[in-house]
Amino acid sequence: MDVPLWFALLAVGYLGVKLIRPPWWLICVLLLGGYLLADSVLTPVIETVVK
């Protein structure tokens, strides 16, 4: 079964919000922080850690 990555992340995120119920400000901080880190000078470091 081939599932697109964006769909899998959306499903996991939705279930996480429904089951764990984190505050909305924490979700916004994590999303914004991830977006900003993805386009920063730390990108090569993050890529080596993820791989």
N, C-alpha and C. Protein backbone atom coordinates (compact mmCIF):
# COMPACT_ATOMS: atom_id res chain seq x y z
N MET A 1 0.85 -1.18 0.00
CA MET A 1 0.00 0.00 0.00
C MET A 1 0.90 1.24 0.00
N ASP A 2 0.70 2.11 -0.94
CA ASP A 2 1.46 3.35 -1.05
C ASP A 2 0.66 4.51 -0.49
N VAL A 3 1.15 5.08 0.61
CA VAL A 3 0.49 6.22 1.24
C VAL A 3 1.42 7.43 1.11
N PRO A 4 0.91 8.55 0.60
CA PRO A 4 1.76 9.74 0.51
C PRO A 4 2.21 10.20 1.90
N LEU A 5 3.41 10.74 1.98
CA LEU A 5 3.96 11.17 3.26
C LEU A 5 3.11 12.25 3.90
N TRP A 6 2.61 13.19 3.11
CA TRP A 6 1.81 14.27 3.68
C TRP A 6 0.53 13.74 4.31
N PHE A 7 -0.04 12.69 3.72
CA PHE A 7 -1.27 12.12 4.26
C PHE A 7 -0.99 11.38 5.57
N ALA A 8 0.12 10.65 5.61
CA ALA A 8 0.49 9.93 6.82
C ALA A 8 0.78 10.91 7.96
N LEU A 9 1.50 11.99 7.67
CA LEU A 9 1.78 12.99 8.70
C LEU A 9 0.51 13.69 9.18
N LEU A 10 -0.39 13.95 8.26
CA LEU A 10 -1.65 14.57 8.63
C LEU A 10 -2.47 13.65 9.54
N ALA A 11 -2.52 12.37 9.21
CA ALA A 11 -3.28 11.41 10.03
C ALA A 11 -2.66 11.26 11.42
N VAL A 12 -1.35 11.14 11.48
CA VAL A 12 -0.68 11.01 12.78
C VAL A 12 -0.85 12.28 13.61
N GLY A 13 -0.74 13.42 12.97
CA GLY A 13 -0.93 14.69 13.68
C GLY A 13 -2.34 14.84 14.20
N TYR A 14 -3.32 14.47 13.40
CA TYR A 14 -4.71 14.56 13.82
C TYR A 14 -4.99 13.65 15.01
N LEU A 15 -4.51 12.40 14.92
CA LEU A 15 -4.71 11.47 16.02
C LEU A 15 -3.98 11.92 17.28
N GLY A 16 -2.78 12.48 17.11
CA GLY A 16 -2.04 12.97 18.27
C GLY A 16 -2.75 14.11 18.97
N VAL A 17 -3.33 15.01 18.20
CA VAL A 17 -4.06 16.13 18.80
C VAL A 17 -5.33 15.63 19.48
N LYS A 18 -6.01 14.69 18.87
CA LYS A 18 -7.25 14.19 19.45
C LYS A 18 -7.00 13.37 20.72
N LEU A 19 -5.93 12.54 20.72
CA LEU A 19 -5.69 11.64 21.85
C LEU A 19 -4.92 12.30 23.00
N ILE A 20 -3.92 13.10 22.68
CA ILE A 20 -3.06 13.67 23.72
C ILE A 20 -3.56 15.03 24.19
N ARG A 21 -4.24 15.77 23.32
CA ARG A 21 -4.79 17.08 23.63
C ARG A 21 -3.75 18.09 24.11
N PRO A 22 -2.68 18.33 23.31
CA PRO A 22 -1.72 19.36 23.71
C PRO A 22 -2.33 20.75 23.50
N PRO A 23 -1.82 21.74 24.19
CA PRO A 23 -2.34 23.11 23.98
C PRO A 23 -2.02 23.60 22.56
N TRP A 24 -2.89 24.44 22.03
CA TRP A 24 -2.72 24.91 20.66
C TRP A 24 -1.46 25.73 20.47
N TRP A 25 -1.05 26.47 21.51
CA TRP A 25 0.16 27.27 21.38
C TRP A 25 1.39 26.37 21.20
N LEU A 26 1.38 25.19 21.84
CA LEU A 26 2.50 24.26 21.68
C LEU A 26 2.56 23.71 20.26
N ILE A 27 1.41 23.41 19.69
CA ILE A 27 1.35 22.93 18.31
C ILE A 27 1.89 24.00 17.36
N CYS A 28 1.48 25.25 17.56
CA CYS A 28 1.94 26.34 16.70
C CYS A 28 3.44 26.56 16.83
N VAL A 29 3.96 26.47 18.06
CA VAL A 29 5.40 26.66 18.27
C VAL A 29 6.19 25.54 17.58
N LEU A 30 5.73 24.31 17.68
CA LEU A 30 6.42 23.19 17.04
C LEU A 30 6.38 23.31 15.52
N LEU A 31 5.24 23.67 14.96
CA LEU A 31 5.14 23.82 13.51
C LEU A 31 6.00 24.97 13.00
N LEU A 32 5.92 26.12 13.67
CA LEU A 32 6.71 27.27 13.26
C LEU A 32 8.20 27.01 13.45
N GLY A 33 8.57 26.39 14.56
CA GLY A 33 9.98 26.07 14.81
C GLY A 33 10.53 25.11 13.77
N GLY A 34 9.77 24.09 13.42
CA GLY A 34 10.21 23.15 12.40
C GLY A 34 10.35 23.81 11.04
N TYR A 35 9.42 24.70 10.73
CA TYR A 35 9.49 25.41 9.46
C TYR A 35 10.73 26.31 9.40
N LEU A 36 11.00 27.02 10.48
CA LEU A 36 12.15 27.92 10.51
C LEU A 36 13.47 27.16 10.52
N LEU A 37 13.54 26.03 11.22
CA LEU A 37 14.76 25.23 11.25
C LEU A 37 15.05 24.58 9.91
N ALA A 38 14.02 24.29 9.15
CA ALA A 38 14.20 23.62 7.86
C ALA A 38 14.92 24.51 6.86
N ASP A 39 14.86 25.79 7.05
CA ASP A 39 15.51 26.73 6.12
C ASP A 39 16.55 27.58 6.83
N SER A 40 17.33 26.96 7.72
CA SER A 40 18.33 27.70 8.46
C SER A 40 19.72 27.14 8.18
N VAL A 41 20.72 27.71 8.85
CA VAL A 41 22.09 27.23 8.69
C VAL A 41 22.29 25.87 9.36
N LEU A 42 21.34 25.46 10.18
CA LEU A 42 21.43 24.17 10.87
C LEU A 42 20.91 23.01 10.03
N THR A 43 20.45 23.29 8.83
CA THR A 43 19.88 22.25 7.98
C THR A 43 20.83 21.08 7.74
N PRO A 44 22.12 21.30 7.41
CA PRO A 44 23.02 20.15 7.22
C PRO A 44 23.19 19.31 8.48
N VAL A 45 23.20 19.94 9.64
CA VAL A 45 23.34 19.20 10.90
C VAL A 45 22.09 18.35 11.14
N ILE A 46 20.94 18.93 10.90
CA ILE A 46 19.68 18.21 11.11
C ILE A 46 19.58 17.03 10.13
N GLU A 47 20.01 17.23 8.90
CA GLU A 47 19.96 16.15 7.90
C GLU A 47 20.83 14.98 8.31
N THR A 48 22.02 15.24 8.85
CA THR A 48 22.89 14.14 9.26
C THR A 48 22.32 13.40 10.45
N VAL A 49 21.65 14.12 11.35
CA VAL A 49 21.05 13.46 12.51
C VAL A 49 19.86 12.61 12.08
N VAL A 50 19.06 13.12 11.17
CA VAL A 50 17.86 12.39 10.73
C VAL A 50 18.24 11.14 9.94
N LYS A 51 19.28 11.25 9.13
CA LYS A 51 19.70 10.09 8.33
C LYS A 51 20.45 9.16 9.23
